[in-house]
Amino acid sequence: MRILLIEDEPKVASFIKKGLEEQTYEVDQAYDGTFGVKLALQHDYDLVLLDIILPHMSGLDVCREIRRHNPGIAILMLTALGTTDDKITGLDAGADDYLTKPFEFKELLARIRALTRRGSESSNGEKLSIADLEMDLVKKTVTRGGNPISLTAREFALLYFLLRNQNRVVSRVDITEQVWETSFDTGSNVIDVYINFLRKKIDKGHQTRLIHTLVGMGYVLKVQEEA
């Protein structure tokens, strides 16, 4: 697996790079946002690890630019900015996940595994569908009514989980454990943010809604006509 690390603090970058290479990951490195974007667009990476506060170009702008050219690449933000608003800003910019410094290296590895698992899971040509929504797990594409839908890696993983459990209510705990492979504090609304991202892309403009919230219980993917 090839990872792009965009981090301007030499000691932090060296620590992360060394640790990842010991886990047999191939790691390229950039110390500023402009060069990070250049590398991201020139090479085929499986994952980008991205700081927010960077020279020349902020991590948020870097994320938006990479996402504009490569909607499916996994992007994990690593930053000292750890408030809920900071996290939502990062997710809105296109990040799939957000890890606050300082962090345990084993948690970083767990999040990397969770983000990249979907890319290696189904090599048997499997497709998942409900109503006119279809996910191709080999091509990593999603369509509704034949029209392509652009999803980030995390959105793709979340939709995959919902499709696998369609017509079944899944809790926020189920989602954090199965999609994020971690847990959030009880005050976090990260799951709600991502569900809303999916709703805008999957349900907006369609009479038949697929993603539903059951207050106090969780979410369910099922066919339900608008009243």
Protein backbone atom coordinates (compact mmCIF):
# COMPACT_ATOMS: atom_id res chain seq x y z
CA MET A 1 0.00 0.00 0.00
CA ARG A 2 1.28 3.44 -0.94
CA ILE A 3 0.66 6.36 1.42
CA LEU A 4 1.29 10.09 0.97
CA LEU A 5 2.19 11.87 4.22
CA ILE A 6 1.78 15.67 4.15
CA GLU A 7 3.19 16.98 7.44
CA ASP A 8 5.41 20.03 8.04
CA GLU A 9 6.82 19.08 11.47
CA PRO A 10 10.01 17.07 10.72
CA LYS A 11 10.01 15.08 13.97
CA VAL A 12 6.35 14.13 13.68
CA ALA A 13 6.74 13.27 9.99
CA SER A 14 9.82 11.15 10.67
CA PHE A 15 8.06 9.28 13.50
CA ILE A 16 5.00 8.51 11.37
CA LYS A 17 6.99 7.57 8.27
CA LYS A 18 9.31 5.25 10.17
CA GLY A 19 6.44 3.56 11.96
CA LEU A 20 4.46 3.01 8.78
CA GLU A 21 7.46 1.67 6.89
CA GLU A 22 8.04 -0.80 9.71
CA GLN A 23 4.50 -2.02 8.96
CA THR A 24 5.57 -2.51 5.30
CA TYR A 25 3.69 0.54 3.98
CA GLU A 26 5.36 2.55 1.21
CA VAL A 27 5.42 6.21 2.28
CA ASP A 28 6.11 9.37 0.26
CA GLN A 29 6.46 12.65 2.11
CA ALA A 30 5.73 16.34 1.56
CA TYR A 31 6.44 19.18 4.00
CA ASP A 32 4.08 21.77 2.52
CA GLY A 33 0.62 21.85 0.99
CA THR A 34 1.59 22.87 -2.54
CA PHE A 35 4.09 20.05 -2.97
CA GLY A 36 1.65 17.65 -1.33
CA VAL A 37 -0.99 18.41 -3.95
CA LYS A 38 1.61 18.01 -6.70
CA LEU A 39 2.60 14.55 -5.46
CA ALA A 40 -1.02 13.50 -4.94
CA LEU A 41 -1.91 14.35 -8.53
CA GLN A 42 1.22 12.81 -10.03
CA HIS A 43 1.11 9.42 -8.32
CA ASP A 44 -1.41 6.72 -7.47
CA TYR A 45 -1.83 6.63 -3.67
CA ASP A 46 -4.12 4.47 -1.58
CA LEU A 47 -4.26 6.95 1.30
CA VAL A 48 -3.29 10.53 2.17
CA LEU A 49 -2.32 11.48 5.74
CA LEU A 50 -2.76 15.22 5.95
CA ASP A 51 -1.98 17.89 8.53
CA ILE A 52 -4.22 20.98 8.50
CA ILE A 53 -1.74 23.74 9.37
CA LEU A 54 0.78 23.66 6.50
CA PRO A 55 3.05 26.15 4.72
CA HIS A 56 1.95 27.66 1.40
CA MET A 57 -1.47 25.96 1.31
CA SER A 58 -3.70 24.89 4.18
CA GLY A 59 -4.56 21.25 4.68
CA LEU A 60 -8.23 22.05 4.11
CA ASP A 61 -7.46 23.51 0.68
CA VAL A 62 -5.13 20.59 -0.05
CA CYS A 63 -7.95 18.19 0.82
CA ARG A 64 -10.43 19.98 -1.43
CA GLU A 65 -7.98 20.04 -4.34
CA ILE A 66 -7.05 16.36 -4.04
CA ARG A 67 -10.69 15.39 -3.64
CA ARG A 68 -11.65 17.42 -6.73
CA HIS A 69 -9.29 15.35 -8.88
CA ASN A 70 -9.58 12.03 -7.07
CA PRO A 71 -12.97 11.61 -5.34
CA GLY A 72 -12.32 8.04 -4.22
CA ILE A 73 -8.96 8.37 -2.49
CA ALA A 74 -8.91 7.89 1.29
CA ILE A 75 -7.89 11.02 3.24
CA LEU A 76 -7.13 11.01 6.97
CA MET A 77 -6.45 14.34 8.66
CA LEU A 78 -3.91 14.48 11.50
CA THR A 79 -4.07 17.73 13.46
CA ALA A 80 -3.89 19.39 16.84
CA LEU A 81 -7.18 21.20 16.11
CA GLY A 82 -9.54 18.91 17.96
CA THR A 83 -12.86 20.61 18.65
CA THR A 84 -16.06 19.22 17.19
CA ASP A 85 -16.30 22.26 14.88
CA ASP A 86 -12.74 21.64 13.69
CA LYS A 87 -13.60 18.04 12.89
CA ILE A 88 -16.75 18.99 11.01
CA THR A 89 -14.80 21.56 9.00
CA GLY A 90 -12.29 18.88 8.03
CA LEU A 91 -15.01 16.42 7.08
CA ASP A 92 -16.83 19.08 5.08
CA ALA A 93 -13.59 19.73 3.18
CA GLY A 94 -13.61 16.11 2.05
CA ALA A 95 -11.66 14.17 4.68
CA ASP A 96 -12.79 10.62 5.44
CA ASP A 97 -11.52 10.60 9.00
CA TYR A 98 -9.92 12.92 11.55
CA LEU A 99 -7.33 11.98 14.18
CA THR A 100 -6.33 14.53 16.82
CA LYS A 101 -2.72 14.94 17.93
CA PRO A 102 -1.25 13.58 20.10
CA PHE A 103 -2.45 10.08 19.21
CA GLU A 104 -1.46 6.48 19.86
CA PHE A 105 0.30 5.01 16.84
CA LYS A 106 -1.76 1.84 17.12
CA GLU A 107 -4.92 3.94 16.70
CA LEU A 108 -3.48 5.49 13.54
CA LEU A 109 -2.82 1.99 12.18
CA ALA A 110 -6.38 0.90 13.06
CA ARG A 111 -7.87 3.88 11.25
CA ILE A 112 -5.69 3.25 8.21
CA ARG A 113 -6.86 -0.37 8.10
CA ALA A 114 -10.49 0.71 8.42
CA LEU A 115 -10.18 3.29 5.64
CA THR A 116 -8.46 0.98 3.19
CA ARG A 117 -10.28 -2.28 3.91
CA ARG A 118 -13.04 -1.61 1.40
CA GLY A 119 -10.46 -1.28 -1.34
CA SER A 120 -9.28 -4.85 -0.86
CA GLU A 121 -12.48 -6.56 0.15
CA SER A 122 -14.46 -7.69 -2.83
CA SER A 123 -12.54 -8.95 -5.82
CA ASN A 124 -15.29 -11.31 -6.96
CA GLY A 125 -17.31 -8.83 -9.01
CA GLU A 126 -19.95 -8.46 -6.30
CA LYS A 127 -22.57 -5.76 -6.65
CA LEU A 128 -24.93 -4.50 -3.96
CA SER A 129 -28.22 -2.78 -4.71
CA ILE A 130 -31.52 -1.51 -3.37
CA ALA A 131 -34.22 0.04 -5.54
CA ASP A 132 -32.33 1.90 -8.31
CA LEU A 133 -29.17 2.35 -6.21
CA GLU A 134 -26.24 0.11 -7.16
CA MET A 135 -22.71 -0.28 -5.78
CA ASP A 136 -20.02 -2.05 -7.81
CA LEU A 137 -17.36 -3.26 -5.37
CA VAL A 138 -14.75 -3.98 -8.02
CA LYS A 139 -15.03 -0.74 -9.98
CA LYS A 140 -15.67 1.18 -6.74
CA THR A 141 -18.61 2.99 -8.34
CA VAL A 142 -22.07 3.95 -7.13
CA THR A 143 -25.01 4.85 -9.34
CA ARG A 144 -28.64 5.74 -8.78
CA GLY A 145 -31.01 5.48 -11.69
CA GLY A 146 -27.95 4.91 -13.85
CA ASN A 147 -26.42 8.25 -12.84
CA PRO A 148 -22.95 8.14 -11.22
CA ILE A 149 -22.56 9.35 -7.63
CA SER A 150 -19.17 10.56 -6.43
CA LEU A 151 -18.35 9.37 -2.89
CA THR A 152 -15.32 9.75 -0.67
CA ALA A 153 -13.71 6.57 0.65
CA ARG A 154 -15.45 6.98 4.02
CA GLU A 155 -18.84 7.67 2.42
CA PHE A 156 -18.35 4.59 0.25
CA ALA A 157 -17.54 2.48 3.33
CA LEU A 158 -20.59 3.80 5.19
CA LEU A 159 -22.92 3.12 2.25
CA TYR A 160 -21.39 -0.35 1.90
CA PHE A 161 -22.25 -1.07 5.53
CA LEU A 162 -25.80 0.22 5.11
CA LEU A 163 -26.28 -1.84 1.95
CA ARG A 164 -24.99 -4.94 3.70
CA ASN A 165 -27.56 -4.32 6.43
CA GLN A 166 -30.42 -2.96 4.34
CA ASN A 167 -33.88 -3.15 5.98
CA ARG A 168 -32.12 -3.57 9.34
CA VAL A 169 -31.74 -0.77 11.90
CA VAL A 170 -28.09 -0.11 12.70
CA SER A 171 -27.06 1.97 15.69
CA ARG A 172 -24.43 4.69 15.83
CA VAL A 173 -22.30 2.27 17.87
CA ASP A 174 -22.62 -0.36 15.12
CA ILE A 175 -21.43 2.18 12.57
CA THR A 176 -18.47 3.45 14.59
CA GLU A 177 -17.31 -0.08 15.37
CA GLN A 178 -17.78 -1.53 11.89
CA VAL A 179 -16.99 1.44 9.63
CA TRP A 180 -14.58 3.50 11.75
CA GLU A 181 -13.24 0.60 13.87
CA THR A 182 -13.15 2.97 16.82
CA SER A 183 -15.51 4.91 19.05
CA PHE A 184 -16.43 8.57 19.39
CA ASP A 185 -17.29 10.46 22.53
CA THR A 186 -21.01 10.57 23.19
CA GLY A 187 -21.17 14.24 22.25
CA SER A 188 -19.73 13.75 18.79
CA ASN A 189 -22.01 14.12 15.77
CA VAL A 190 -19.59 12.70 13.20
CA ILE A 191 -21.98 9.88 12.26
CA ASP A 192 -24.84 12.35 11.74
CA VAL A 193 -22.57 14.47 9.54
CA TYR A 194 -21.75 11.52 7.31
CA ILE A 195 -25.33 10.31 7.13
CA ASN A 196 -26.29 13.80 5.96
CA PHE A 197 -23.50 13.74 3.37
CA LEU A 198 -24.91 10.48 2.01
CA ARG A 199 -28.49 11.72 2.08
CA LYS A 200 -27.57 14.72 -0.06
CA LYS A 201 -25.86 12.50 -2.61
CA ILE A 202 -28.19 9.48 -2.52
CA ASP A 203 -31.69 10.81 -1.80
CA LYS A 204 -31.75 14.45 -2.88
CA GLY A 205 -33.95 14.90 -5.94
CA HIS A 206 -35.49 11.42 -5.70
CA GLN A 207 -39.06 10.71 -4.70
CA THR A 208 -38.12 7.39 -3.11
CA ARG A 209 -36.03 7.95 0.02
CA LEU A 210 -33.57 5.25 1.01
CA ILE A 211 -31.75 6.51 4.13
CA HIS A 212 -33.93 6.91 7.22
CA THR A 213 -33.34 7.94 10.83
CA LEU A 214 -35.12 6.20 13.68
CA VAL A 215 -34.85 8.56 16.62
CA GLY A 216 -33.15 6.94 19.59
CA MET A 217 -32.37 3.79 17.61
CA GLY A 218 -30.17 4.53 14.61
CA TYR A 219 -30.46 4.40 10.83
CA VAL A 220 -31.90 2.08 8.23
CA LEU A 221 -31.51 1.78 4.47
CA LYS A 222 -34.85 0.78 2.98
CA VAL A 223 -37.31 1.76 0.26
CA GLN A 224 -39.89 4.30 1.43
CA GLU A 225 -41.99 6.57 -0.74
CA GLU A 226 -42.36 10.22 0.20
CA ALA A 227 -45.80 11.00 1.67
